[in-house]
N, C-alpha and C. Protein backbone atom coordinates (compact mmCIF):
# COMPACT_ATOMS: atom_id res chain seq x y z
N MET A 1 43.52 20.82 158.10
CA MET A 1 42.63 19.87 158.67
C MET A 1 41.30 19.93 157.94
N ALA A 2 40.78 18.79 157.65
CA ALA A 2 39.55 18.70 156.88
C ALA A 2 38.36 18.69 157.83
N ASP A 3 37.35 19.36 157.38
CA ASP A 3 36.12 19.43 158.16
C ASP A 3 35.32 18.16 157.91
N ILE A 4 34.64 17.64 158.92
CA ILE A 4 33.87 16.41 158.76
C ILE A 4 32.62 16.62 157.91
N PHE A 5 32.26 17.86 157.69
CA PHE A 5 31.08 18.15 156.88
C PHE A 5 31.40 18.42 155.40
N ASP A 6 32.68 18.35 155.03
CA ASP A 6 33.06 18.57 153.63
C ASP A 6 32.38 17.60 152.66
N PRO A 7 32.26 16.30 152.97
CA PRO A 7 31.56 15.40 152.03
C PRO A 7 30.09 15.79 151.84
N LEU A 8 29.49 16.41 152.84
CA LEU A 8 28.09 16.82 152.70
C LEU A 8 27.92 17.94 151.69
N LEU A 9 28.97 18.74 151.52
CA LEU A 9 28.88 19.85 150.57
C LEU A 9 28.83 19.35 149.13
N SER A 10 29.41 18.20 148.90
CA SER A 10 29.41 17.65 147.53
C SER A 10 28.43 16.47 147.39
N LEU A 11 27.53 16.31 148.31
CA LEU A 11 26.60 15.19 148.29
C LEU A 11 25.70 15.23 147.05
N GLU A 12 25.18 16.39 146.71
CA GLU A 12 24.30 16.52 145.55
C GLU A 12 25.04 16.15 144.27
N GLU A 13 26.26 16.63 144.12
CA GLU A 13 27.07 16.34 142.92
C GLU A 13 27.39 14.84 142.86
N ASP A 14 27.68 14.22 144.01
CA ASP A 14 27.98 12.78 144.03
C ASP A 14 26.76 11.97 143.58
N TYR A 15 25.58 12.30 144.09
CA TYR A 15 24.37 11.59 143.68
C TYR A 15 24.06 11.83 142.20
N TYR A 16 24.31 13.05 141.76
CA TYR A 16 24.09 13.35 140.35
C TYR A 16 24.99 12.47 139.47
N GLN A 17 26.27 12.37 139.79
CA GLN A 17 27.21 11.57 139.02
C GLN A 17 26.84 10.08 139.06
N GLU A 18 26.42 9.61 140.23
CA GLU A 18 26.03 8.21 140.36
C GLU A 18 24.77 7.93 139.51
N GLY A 19 23.79 8.82 139.56
CA GLY A 19 22.57 8.66 138.76
C GLY A 19 22.87 8.74 137.27
N TYR A 20 23.78 9.64 136.90
CA TYR A 20 24.16 9.77 135.51
C TYR A 20 24.80 8.48 135.00
N ALA A 21 25.68 7.88 135.78
CA ALA A 21 26.35 6.64 135.38
C ALA A 21 25.34 5.50 135.24
N HIS A 22 24.40 5.39 136.18
CA HIS A 22 23.37 4.36 136.09
C HIS A 22 22.48 4.59 134.86
N GLY A 23 22.08 5.84 134.65
CA GLY A 23 21.23 6.17 133.50
C GLY A 23 21.91 5.90 132.18
N LEU A 24 23.22 6.17 132.12
CA LEU A 24 23.97 5.93 130.89
C LEU A 24 24.04 4.44 130.58
N SER A 25 24.32 3.63 131.57
CA SER A 25 24.40 2.18 131.33
C SER A 25 23.02 1.60 130.98
N ASP A 26 21.98 2.05 131.67
CA ASP A 26 20.63 1.58 131.35
C ASP A 26 20.19 2.05 129.97
N GLY A 27 20.57 3.25 129.60
CA GLY A 27 20.22 3.78 128.29
C GLY A 27 20.91 3.02 127.17
N GLU A 28 22.14 2.61 127.39
CA GLU A 28 22.84 1.82 126.38
C GLU A 28 22.15 0.49 126.15
N LYS A 29 21.74 -0.17 127.23
CA LYS A 29 21.01 -1.44 127.09
C LYS A 29 19.68 -1.24 126.38
N ALA A 30 18.91 -0.25 126.83
CA ALA A 30 17.60 0.01 126.23
C ALA A 30 17.74 0.43 124.77
N GLY A 31 18.78 1.20 124.47
CA GLY A 31 19.00 1.64 123.09
C GLY A 31 19.29 0.48 122.16
N ARG A 32 20.07 -0.47 122.63
CA ARG A 32 20.34 -1.66 121.81
C ARG A 32 19.07 -2.46 121.55
N ILE A 33 18.29 -2.64 122.60
CA ILE A 33 17.04 -3.41 122.46
C ILE A 33 16.07 -2.69 121.53
N GLU A 34 15.88 -1.39 121.75
CA GLU A 34 14.96 -0.63 120.90
C GLU A 34 15.45 -0.58 119.46
N GLY A 35 16.75 -0.46 119.28
CA GLY A 35 17.32 -0.45 117.93
C GLY A 35 17.11 -1.77 117.21
N ARG A 36 17.28 -2.86 117.92
CA ARG A 36 17.07 -4.18 117.32
C ARG A 36 15.60 -4.37 116.95
N VAL A 37 14.69 -3.99 117.84
CA VAL A 37 13.26 -4.12 117.56
C VAL A 37 12.88 -3.25 116.36
N PHE A 38 13.39 -2.03 116.32
CA PHE A 38 13.10 -1.13 115.20
C PHE A 38 13.62 -1.73 113.89
N GLY A 39 14.83 -2.28 113.92
CA GLY A 39 15.40 -2.90 112.73
C GLY A 39 14.59 -4.10 112.26
N LEU A 40 14.14 -4.92 113.20
CA LEU A 40 13.30 -6.07 112.85
C LEU A 40 11.98 -5.63 112.23
N GLU A 41 11.37 -4.59 112.79
CA GLU A 41 10.11 -4.10 112.25
C GLU A 41 10.29 -3.56 110.83
N LYS A 42 11.35 -2.78 110.61
CA LYS A 42 11.58 -2.22 109.28
C LYS A 42 11.92 -3.33 108.28
N GLY A 43 12.71 -4.29 108.70
CA GLY A 43 13.03 -5.42 107.83
C GLY A 43 11.79 -6.22 107.49
N PHE A 44 10.93 -6.43 108.47
CA PHE A 44 9.67 -7.14 108.25
C PHE A 44 8.81 -6.40 107.23
N GLU A 45 8.71 -5.08 107.37
CA GLU A 45 7.90 -4.28 106.45
C GLU A 45 8.42 -4.39 105.02
N LYS A 46 9.73 -4.29 104.85
CA LYS A 46 10.32 -4.35 103.50
C LYS A 46 10.10 -5.71 102.87
N PHE A 47 10.35 -6.76 103.62
CA PHE A 47 10.23 -8.10 103.06
C PHE A 47 8.77 -8.52 102.93
N LEU A 48 7.87 -7.92 103.70
CA LEU A 48 6.44 -8.16 103.51
C LEU A 48 6.01 -7.60 102.16
N GLU A 49 6.48 -6.40 101.85
CA GLU A 49 6.17 -5.80 100.55
C GLU A 49 6.77 -6.62 99.42
N LEU A 50 8.01 -7.06 99.59
CA LEU A 50 8.61 -7.91 98.56
C LEU A 50 7.85 -9.22 98.42
N GLY A 51 7.38 -9.77 99.51
CA GLY A 51 6.60 -11.01 99.46
C GLY A 51 5.28 -10.83 98.74
N LYS A 52 4.63 -9.69 98.97
CA LYS A 52 3.39 -9.41 98.27
C LYS A 52 3.64 -9.31 96.76
N LEU A 53 4.72 -8.62 96.40
CA LEU A 53 5.07 -8.53 94.97
C LEU A 53 5.37 -9.90 94.40
N GLN A 54 6.10 -10.70 95.15
CA GLN A 54 6.44 -12.05 94.70
C GLN A 54 5.18 -12.88 94.51
N GLY A 55 4.23 -12.77 95.42
CA GLY A 55 2.98 -13.51 95.30
C GLY A 55 2.17 -13.10 94.09
N ARG A 56 2.07 -11.79 93.88
CA ARG A 56 1.34 -11.31 92.69
C ARG A 56 2.03 -11.77 91.42
N CYS A 57 3.35 -11.73 91.43
CA CYS A 57 4.12 -12.17 90.26
C CYS A 57 3.88 -13.66 90.00
N SER A 58 3.83 -14.44 91.05
CA SER A 58 3.57 -15.88 90.88
C SER A 58 2.20 -16.13 90.28
N VAL A 59 1.21 -15.37 90.72
CA VAL A 59 -0.14 -15.52 90.17
C VAL A 59 -0.14 -15.11 88.71
N TRP A 60 0.51 -14.00 88.39
CA TRP A 60 0.58 -13.54 87.00
C TRP A 60 1.29 -14.56 86.12
N LYS A 61 2.38 -15.13 86.66
CA LYS A 61 3.10 -16.15 85.87
C LYS A 61 2.24 -17.37 85.61
N ALA A 62 1.42 -17.74 86.58
CA ALA A 62 0.53 -18.89 86.40
C ALA A 62 -0.56 -18.59 85.37
N ARG A 63 -0.87 -17.33 85.18
CA ARG A 63 -1.90 -16.95 84.23
C ARG A 63 -1.39 -16.76 82.81
N ILE A 64 -0.08 -16.81 82.62
CA ILE A 64 0.48 -16.64 81.27
C ILE A 64 0.07 -17.83 80.43
N LYS A 65 -0.45 -17.52 79.27
CA LYS A 65 -0.91 -18.57 78.36
C LYS A 65 0.26 -18.97 77.46
N SER A 66 0.65 -20.22 77.54
CA SER A 66 1.73 -20.71 76.69
C SER A 66 1.18 -21.03 75.31
N SER A 67 2.07 -21.24 74.35
CA SER A 67 1.63 -21.54 72.99
C SER A 67 0.93 -22.88 72.92
N ASP A 68 1.32 -23.85 73.77
CA ASP A 68 0.64 -25.15 73.80
C ASP A 68 -0.77 -25.01 74.37
N ALA A 69 -0.91 -24.14 75.37
CA ALA A 69 -2.20 -23.97 76.02
C ALA A 69 -3.18 -23.20 75.14
N LEU A 70 -2.67 -22.43 74.16
CA LEU A 70 -3.56 -21.67 73.30
C LEU A 70 -4.49 -22.58 72.52
N ALA A 71 -3.96 -23.66 72.00
CA ALA A 71 -4.78 -24.57 71.21
C ALA A 71 -5.83 -25.27 72.08
N THR A 72 -5.45 -25.67 73.29
CA THR A 72 -6.40 -26.38 74.15
C THR A 72 -7.46 -25.45 74.72
N THR A 73 -7.09 -24.20 75.06
CA THR A 73 -8.09 -23.29 75.64
C THR A 73 -9.05 -22.78 74.59
N SER A 74 -8.62 -22.68 73.34
CA SER A 74 -9.56 -22.25 72.31
C SER A 74 -10.63 -23.30 72.10
N ALA A 75 -10.27 -24.56 72.27
CA ALA A 75 -11.26 -25.64 72.14
C ALA A 75 -12.16 -25.69 73.36
N THR A 76 -11.63 -25.41 74.57
CA THR A 76 -12.43 -25.50 75.79
C THR A 76 -13.14 -24.19 76.11
N ALA A 77 -12.77 -23.10 75.48
CA ALA A 77 -13.39 -21.81 75.80
C ALA A 77 -14.86 -21.81 75.42
N SER A 78 -15.22 -22.56 74.40
CA SER A 78 -16.63 -22.60 74.02
C SER A 78 -17.46 -23.40 75.01
N HIS A 79 -16.82 -24.17 75.89
CA HIS A 79 -17.55 -24.97 76.88
C HIS A 79 -17.70 -24.24 78.20
N GLY A 80 -17.35 -22.95 78.26
CA GLY A 80 -17.60 -22.16 79.46
C GLY A 80 -16.50 -22.22 80.50
N THR A 81 -15.28 -22.59 80.16
CA THR A 81 -14.20 -22.59 81.16
C THR A 81 -13.67 -21.19 81.34
N THR A 82 -12.83 -21.01 82.30
CA THR A 82 -12.33 -19.68 82.63
C THR A 82 -11.08 -19.37 81.83
N GLY A 83 -11.20 -19.26 80.55
CA GLY A 83 -10.07 -18.92 79.69
C GLY A 83 -9.79 -17.43 79.68
N ASN A 84 -10.71 -16.61 80.21
CA ASN A 84 -10.52 -15.17 80.18
C ASN A 84 -9.54 -14.68 81.24
N PHE A 85 -9.06 -15.54 82.11
CA PHE A 85 -8.09 -15.14 83.11
C PHE A 85 -6.66 -15.29 82.62
N GLN A 86 -6.48 -15.83 81.45
CA GLN A 86 -5.15 -16.04 80.90
C GLN A 86 -4.59 -14.71 80.38
N ILE A 87 -3.28 -14.56 80.51
CA ILE A 87 -2.60 -13.36 80.03
C ILE A 87 -1.99 -13.70 78.68
N THR A 88 -2.47 -13.04 77.64
CA THR A 88 -1.97 -13.31 76.30
C THR A 88 -1.14 -12.17 75.74
N ASN A 89 -1.15 -11.03 76.40
CA ASN A 89 -0.42 -9.86 75.93
C ASN A 89 1.09 -10.12 76.05
N PRO A 90 1.83 -10.13 74.93
CA PRO A 90 3.27 -10.41 75.01
C PRO A 90 4.05 -9.36 75.79
N ARG A 91 3.60 -8.12 75.73
CA ARG A 91 4.29 -7.06 76.49
C ARG A 91 4.12 -7.30 78.00
N ALA A 92 2.92 -7.67 78.40
CA ALA A 92 2.67 -7.98 79.82
C ALA A 92 3.47 -9.21 80.24
N GLN A 93 3.57 -10.20 79.37
CA GLN A 93 4.35 -11.40 79.67
C GLN A 93 5.82 -11.06 79.90
N ARG A 94 6.36 -10.17 79.07
CA ARG A 94 7.76 -9.74 79.25
C ARG A 94 7.94 -8.99 80.57
N GLN A 95 6.96 -8.15 80.92
CA GLN A 95 7.02 -7.42 82.19
C GLN A 95 6.98 -8.39 83.38
N ILE A 96 6.15 -9.41 83.27
CA ILE A 96 6.04 -10.40 84.35
C ILE A 96 7.35 -11.16 84.49
N GLU A 97 7.94 -11.57 83.40
CA GLU A 97 9.23 -12.28 83.45
C GLU A 97 10.32 -11.38 84.02
N SER A 98 10.29 -10.11 83.64
CA SER A 98 11.27 -9.15 84.16
C SER A 98 11.11 -8.97 85.67
N LEU A 99 9.86 -8.88 86.13
CA LEU A 99 9.60 -8.75 87.56
C LEU A 99 10.04 -10.00 88.31
N ALA A 100 9.79 -11.16 87.72
CA ALA A 100 10.19 -12.42 88.36
C ALA A 100 11.71 -12.48 88.50
N LEU A 101 12.44 -12.05 87.48
CA LEU A 101 13.90 -12.04 87.57
C LEU A 101 14.39 -11.07 88.63
N LEU A 102 13.72 -9.94 88.73
CA LEU A 102 14.11 -8.93 89.71
C LEU A 102 13.95 -9.43 91.14
N LEU A 103 12.92 -10.25 91.37
CA LEU A 103 12.60 -10.69 92.73
C LEU A 103 13.21 -12.03 93.11
N ILE A 104 14.10 -12.57 92.30
CA ILE A 104 14.62 -13.92 92.55
C ILE A 104 15.31 -14.05 93.90
N HIS A 105 16.36 -13.32 94.13
CA HIS A 105 17.14 -13.50 95.36
C HIS A 105 17.48 -12.16 96.00
N PRO A 106 16.59 -11.61 96.82
CA PRO A 106 16.95 -10.38 97.53
C PRO A 106 17.99 -10.70 98.61
N PRO A 107 18.91 -9.80 98.89
CA PRO A 107 19.92 -10.08 99.92
C PRO A 107 19.33 -10.06 101.32
N PHE A 108 19.87 -10.90 102.19
CA PHE A 108 19.41 -10.99 103.58
C PHE A 108 20.47 -10.48 104.55
N LYS A 109 21.46 -9.78 104.07
CA LYS A 109 22.51 -9.25 104.95
C LYS A 109 22.08 -7.90 105.50
N ASN A 110 22.77 -7.48 106.54
CA ASN A 110 22.44 -6.21 107.17
C ASN A 110 23.59 -5.22 107.00
N ASP A 111 24.15 -5.17 105.82
CA ASP A 111 25.15 -4.15 105.56
C ASP A 111 24.54 -3.08 104.65
N GLU A 112 25.24 -1.98 104.52
CA GLU A 112 24.69 -0.83 103.81
C GLU A 112 24.37 -1.14 102.35
N GLN A 113 25.23 -1.88 101.70
CA GLN A 113 25.03 -2.20 100.28
C GLN A 113 23.79 -3.10 100.09
N SER A 114 23.61 -4.07 100.96
CA SER A 114 22.46 -4.97 100.85
C SER A 114 21.15 -4.23 101.12
N VAL A 115 21.16 -3.34 102.09
CA VAL A 115 19.96 -2.56 102.41
C VAL A 115 19.58 -1.69 101.21
N GLU A 116 20.57 -1.06 100.59
CA GLU A 116 20.30 -0.25 99.41
C GLU A 116 19.80 -1.10 98.26
N GLU A 117 20.33 -2.31 98.12
CA GLU A 117 19.89 -3.21 97.06
C GLU A 117 18.43 -3.63 97.27
N VAL A 118 18.05 -3.90 98.52
CA VAL A 118 16.66 -4.25 98.81
C VAL A 118 15.75 -3.06 98.50
N GLU A 119 16.16 -1.86 98.90
CA GLU A 119 15.38 -0.66 98.62
C GLU A 119 15.19 -0.47 97.12
N GLU A 120 16.27 -0.63 96.35
CA GLU A 120 16.21 -0.47 94.90
C GLU A 120 15.34 -1.55 94.27
N THR A 121 15.46 -2.79 94.73
CA THR A 121 14.63 -3.89 94.23
C THR A 121 13.16 -3.61 94.51
N LEU A 122 12.87 -3.14 95.71
CA LEU A 122 11.49 -2.83 96.09
C LEU A 122 10.94 -1.69 95.24
N LYS A 123 11.75 -0.67 95.03
CA LYS A 123 11.31 0.48 94.24
C LYS A 123 11.03 0.07 92.80
N ARG A 124 11.94 -0.67 92.20
CA ARG A 124 11.77 -1.11 90.81
C ARG A 124 10.62 -2.11 90.70
N GLY A 125 10.50 -2.99 91.68
CA GLY A 125 9.42 -3.98 91.67
C GLY A 125 8.06 -3.33 91.79
N LYS A 126 7.93 -2.33 92.66
CA LYS A 126 6.66 -1.61 92.79
C LYS A 126 6.30 -0.93 91.48
N GLY A 127 7.30 -0.35 90.82
CA GLY A 127 7.05 0.30 89.53
C GLY A 127 6.56 -0.69 88.49
N LYS A 128 7.23 -1.82 88.40
CA LYS A 128 6.81 -2.86 87.45
C LYS A 128 5.43 -3.40 87.82
N GLY A 129 5.16 -3.53 89.10
CA GLY A 129 3.85 -4.00 89.54
C GLY A 129 2.74 -3.03 89.13
N LYS A 130 2.99 -1.73 89.28
CA LYS A 130 2.00 -0.73 88.87
C LYS A 130 1.75 -0.79 87.37
N VAL A 131 2.82 -0.94 86.61
CA VAL A 131 2.68 -1.05 85.16
C VAL A 131 1.83 -2.26 84.80
N LEU A 132 2.11 -3.39 85.45
CA LEU A 132 1.35 -4.61 85.17
C LEU A 132 -0.11 -4.48 85.59
N VAL A 133 -0.35 -3.86 86.73
CA VAL A 133 -1.73 -3.67 87.19
C VAL A 133 -2.50 -2.85 86.16
N ASN A 134 -1.87 -1.80 85.63
CA ASN A 134 -2.52 -0.98 84.62
C ASN A 134 -2.71 -1.74 83.31
N MET A 135 -1.70 -2.52 82.92
CA MET A 135 -1.79 -3.28 81.67
C MET A 135 -2.89 -4.34 81.73
N LEU A 136 -3.04 -4.95 82.89
CA LEU A 136 -3.99 -6.05 83.04
C LEU A 136 -5.35 -5.59 83.56
N ASN A 137 -5.50 -4.26 83.73
CA ASN A 137 -6.75 -3.67 84.24
C ASN A 137 -7.20 -4.33 85.54
N GLU A 138 -6.27 -4.49 86.45
CA GLU A 138 -6.57 -5.07 87.75
C GLU A 138 -6.69 -3.97 88.78
N LYS A 139 -7.30 -4.31 89.89
CA LYS A 139 -7.42 -3.37 91.00
C LYS A 139 -6.12 -3.38 91.78
N ASP A 140 -5.59 -2.20 92.04
CA ASP A 140 -4.36 -2.08 92.82
C ASP A 140 -4.72 -1.80 94.27
N GLU A 141 -4.43 -2.74 95.18
CA GLU A 141 -4.79 -2.57 96.58
C GLU A 141 -4.01 -1.46 97.25
N GLN A 142 -2.91 -1.02 96.67
CA GLN A 142 -2.10 0.03 97.28
C GLN A 142 -2.74 1.40 97.10
N SER A 143 -3.56 1.58 96.06
CA SER A 143 -4.13 2.90 95.78
C SER A 143 -5.60 3.00 96.18
N ASP A 144 -6.03 2.24 97.14
CA ASP A 144 -7.42 2.28 97.59
C ASP A 144 -7.63 3.32 98.68
N GLY A 145 -6.84 4.37 98.69
CA GLY A 145 -6.98 5.39 99.71
C GLY A 145 -6.26 5.05 100.98
N LYS A 146 -5.47 4.01 100.97
CA LYS A 146 -4.73 3.62 102.16
C LYS A 146 -3.41 4.37 102.16
N ALA A 147 -3.31 5.37 102.98
CA ALA A 147 -2.07 6.12 103.08
C ALA A 147 -1.75 6.32 104.54
N GLY A 148 -0.50 6.59 104.81
CA GLY A 148 -0.11 6.85 106.18
C GLY A 148 0.57 5.67 106.82
N SER A 149 0.38 5.56 108.11
CA SER A 149 1.07 4.52 108.86
C SER A 149 0.45 3.16 108.62
N ALA A 150 1.14 2.13 109.08
CA ALA A 150 0.65 0.76 108.91
C ALA A 150 -0.65 0.55 109.67
N VAL A 151 -0.81 1.20 110.81
CA VAL A 151 -2.04 1.05 111.57
C VAL A 151 -3.19 1.71 110.84
N ALA A 152 -2.97 2.91 110.29
CA ALA A 152 -4.03 3.63 109.58
C ALA A 152 -4.38 2.95 108.28
N SER A 153 -3.42 2.30 107.63
CA SER A 153 -3.69 1.68 106.34
C SER A 153 -4.25 0.28 106.46
N GLY A 154 -4.32 -0.26 107.66
CA GLY A 154 -4.90 -1.58 107.83
C GLY A 154 -3.92 -2.70 107.58
N GLU A 155 -2.66 -2.38 107.31
CA GLU A 155 -1.68 -3.44 107.11
C GLU A 155 -1.27 -4.00 108.46
N GLU A 156 -0.88 -5.26 108.44
CA GLU A 156 -0.50 -5.89 109.70
C GLU A 156 0.93 -5.51 110.05
N SER A 157 1.21 -5.48 111.32
CA SER A 157 2.55 -5.19 111.79
C SER A 157 3.22 -6.50 112.18
N ILE A 158 4.44 -6.42 112.62
CA ILE A 158 5.18 -7.62 112.98
C ILE A 158 4.52 -8.33 114.16
N GLU A 159 3.84 -7.59 115.03
CA GLU A 159 3.16 -8.21 116.16
C GLU A 159 1.95 -9.02 115.70
N ASP A 160 1.33 -8.63 114.57
CA ASP A 160 0.13 -9.29 114.08
C ASP A 160 0.45 -10.49 113.19
N ALA A 161 1.69 -10.70 112.84
CA ALA A 161 2.06 -11.71 111.84
C ALA A 161 1.68 -13.11 112.28
N GLY A 162 1.75 -13.42 113.55
CA GLY A 162 1.46 -14.77 114.01
C GLY A 162 -0.01 -15.05 114.20
N ARG A 163 -0.85 -14.04 114.14
CA ARG A 163 -2.27 -14.24 114.40
C ARG A 163 -2.98 -14.91 113.23
N GLY A 164 -2.56 -14.60 112.02
CA GLY A 164 -3.12 -15.25 110.84
C GLY A 164 -4.61 -15.10 110.73
N ALA A 165 -5.31 -16.19 110.49
CA ALA A 165 -6.74 -16.16 110.26
C ALA A 165 -7.54 -15.94 111.54
N ARG A 166 -6.94 -16.15 112.68
CA ARG A 166 -7.69 -15.99 113.94
C ARG A 166 -8.19 -14.58 114.10
N GLY A 167 -7.35 -13.57 113.81
CA GLY A 167 -7.74 -12.19 114.02
C GLY A 167 -8.44 -11.59 112.83
N ALA A 168 -8.49 -12.29 111.70
CA ALA A 168 -9.07 -11.71 110.49
C ALA A 168 -10.57 -11.52 110.58
N GLY A 169 -11.27 -12.41 111.28
CA GLY A 169 -12.71 -12.32 111.33
C GLY A 169 -13.25 -11.39 112.40
N ARG A 170 -12.41 -10.81 113.23
CA ARG A 170 -12.86 -10.01 114.36
C ARG A 170 -12.90 -8.53 114.08
N LYS A 171 -12.66 -8.06 112.91
CA LYS A 171 -12.58 -6.62 112.66
C LYS A 171 -13.88 -5.99 112.70
């Protein structure tokens, strides 16, 4: 014969199991959400860096002096135009073209091979960018003492991306 107080003896264990089951299901949901947010933030950071490289490369490409432009700028340089911003160094021009080819089509998939390809593209692109900055005697914004996290370095995070010029003047 069973005692009517037997369920009370296992009451603590029953509540523990019920709480564990609820916590496990809630943790799975929260883990998926946090994982997705983390992935979006990391993807944003990587493609922000690639975008910065692409922008610098576009500016450098626009500054390349073509053989047709050499004749016209030599005639206009005596009139005070900004001919000194043109890139005439053939080695720098080859580096710029190489960087442009490297940055043409980064993969947008979320598989292991594509992630590694983006990492490799970013690594090689940063290297080429540093070489070009040194060749062109430009200021490198990455080496201005900005190290550490995105907050400490002053870079914008994914939450700041939509603010644009509104938040720029309030610092």
